[in-house]
Amino acid sequence: MIPSSLLSEEPYRGLPGESKLLYGHLLGLLRLSAQDTTGHWKADGRPCVSLSRASAGRLLHCQREKAAGLFAALERCGLLEPVPGQSNGKARRYYLNLPRPKEPNEL
């Protein structure tokens, strides 16, 4: 499920639709990682997800380069945070951040 705030609130409203779909898929992976008892899906004790750009491209029927841009868009607005200390070339691991709710006094 994609949080409704990604559809209606800033700074998420301007995200490409494919980025929102990718985020929804990553949330599903996060649910699986939270249930994992082996620790494989944890970094520093915090649940994380892993998905390569090539796999994301196949999932969303786009080129790997476009998938990389979708990951970058999610990082820029704070929804994805790379797990530190990773080497390039393989699927990267990410912490997922939940959308920041709008404050009641914000316009």
Protein backbone atom coordinates (compact mmCIF):
# COMPACT_ATOMS: atom_id res chain seq x y z
CA MET A 1 0.00 0.00 0.00
CA ILE A 2 1.17 3.48 -0.81
CA PRO A 3 0.64 6.01 2.00
CA SER A 4 -1.95 8.58 0.97
CA SER A 5 0.37 11.42 2.01
CA LEU A 6 2.55 10.57 -1.01
CA LEU A 7 -0.36 11.55 -3.23
CA SER A 8 -1.45 14.73 -1.52
CA GLU A 9 1.28 16.33 0.58
CA GLU A 10 4.48 18.21 -0.17
CA PRO A 11 7.28 17.31 -0.83
CA TYR A 12 5.92 13.97 -2.04
CA ARG A 13 3.23 15.23 -4.40
CA GLY A 14 5.86 16.03 -7.04
CA LEU A 15 7.42 12.56 -7.00
CA PRO A 16 7.05 10.56 -10.22
CA GLY A 17 4.28 7.97 -10.04
CA GLU A 18 6.80 5.19 -10.62
CA SER A 19 8.76 6.32 -7.55
CA LYS A 20 5.60 6.03 -5.48
CA LEU A 21 4.99 2.53 -6.83
CA LEU A 22 8.59 1.58 -6.07
CA TYR A 23 8.21 2.93 -2.52
CA GLY A 24 5.04 0.85 -2.06
CA HIS A 25 6.93 -2.26 -3.20
CA LEU A 26 9.79 -1.46 -0.84
CA LEU A 27 7.31 -1.09 2.03
CA GLY A 28 6.11 -4.62 1.26
CA LEU A 29 9.71 -5.85 1.41
CA LEU A 30 10.14 -4.00 4.70
CA ARG A 31 7.21 -5.92 6.17
CA LEU A 32 9.01 -9.14 5.23
CA SER A 33 12.28 -7.91 6.70
CA ALA A 34 10.58 -6.99 9.97
CA GLN A 35 9.38 -10.60 10.27
CA ASP A 36 12.86 -12.03 9.59
CA THR A 37 14.44 -13.58 12.67
CA THR A 38 17.84 -14.39 11.13
CA GLY A 39 19.05 -10.78 11.10
CA HIS A 40 19.78 -10.95 7.36
CA TRP A 41 17.58 -7.92 6.72
CA LYS A 42 18.91 -5.77 9.51
CA ALA A 43 21.69 -3.20 9.54
CA ASP A 44 22.68 -1.75 12.90
CA GLY A 45 19.61 -3.49 14.36
CA ARG A 46 17.28 -1.51 12.09
CA PRO A 47 15.16 -3.27 9.42
CA CYS A 48 16.28 -2.53 5.88
CA VAL A 49 15.39 -3.59 2.34
CA SER A 50 17.48 -4.56 -0.65
CA LEU A 51 16.58 -4.21 -4.32
CA SER A 52 18.86 -3.76 -7.30
CA ARG A 53 18.22 -1.15 -9.96
CA ALA A 54 17.97 -3.92 -12.55
CA SER A 55 15.30 -5.71 -10.50
CA ALA A 56 13.41 -2.46 -9.98
CA GLY A 57 13.60 -1.82 -13.74
CA ARG A 58 12.14 -5.25 -14.49
CA LEU A 59 9.42 -4.72 -11.89
CA LEU A 60 8.43 -1.33 -13.30
CA HIS A 61 9.13 -2.17 -16.98
CA CYS A 62 11.76 0.51 -17.40
CA GLN A 63 15.49 0.78 -18.02
CA ARG A 64 17.97 0.39 -15.17
CA GLU A 65 18.99 4.04 -15.55
CA LYS A 66 15.43 5.23 -15.06
CA ALA A 67 15.09 2.98 -12.01
CA ALA A 68 18.25 4.61 -10.61
CA GLY A 69 16.54 7.99 -11.02
CA LEU A 70 13.48 6.73 -9.17
CA PHE A 71 15.63 5.60 -6.25
CA ALA A 72 17.39 8.99 -6.29
CA ALA A 73 14.05 10.84 -6.18
CA LEU A 74 13.02 8.83 -3.10
CA GLU A 75 16.37 9.59 -1.46
CA ARG A 76 16.08 13.34 -2.19
CA CYS A 77 12.73 13.64 -0.44
CA GLY A 78 13.93 11.59 2.55
CA LEU A 79 11.92 8.40 2.03
CA LEU A 80 15.01 6.23 1.38
CA GLU A 81 18.29 6.29 3.27
CA PRO A 82 21.20 4.15 2.03
CA VAL A 83 22.74 1.84 4.61
CA PRO A 84 26.29 3.18 5.11
CA GLY A 85 29.39 1.22 4.14
CA GLN A 86 28.20 -0.52 0.98
CA SER A 87 30.17 -1.19 -2.15
CA ASN A 88 28.73 -0.48 -5.58
CA GLY A 89 27.82 -3.15 -8.09
CA LYS A 90 25.24 -5.15 -6.18
CA ALA A 91 21.80 -4.51 -4.79
CA ARG A 92 22.01 -1.69 -2.29
CA ARG A 93 20.37 -1.88 1.09
CA TYR A 94 18.16 0.95 2.28
CA TYR A 95 16.40 2.08 5.40
CA LEU A 96 12.88 3.22 4.61
CA ASN A 97 11.55 6.33 6.29
CA LEU A 98 7.85 6.92 6.59
CA PRO A 99 6.42 10.09 5.07
CA ARG A 100 6.47 13.02 7.43
CA PRO A 101 2.88 13.86 8.38
CA LYS A 102 1.70 17.37 7.83
CA GLU A 103 1.60 19.43 11.03
CA PRO A 104 -1.90 20.64 11.95
CA ASN A 105 -0.79 24.29 11.81
CA GLU A 106 0.91 23.98 8.37
CA LEU A 107 -0.92 25.34 5.36
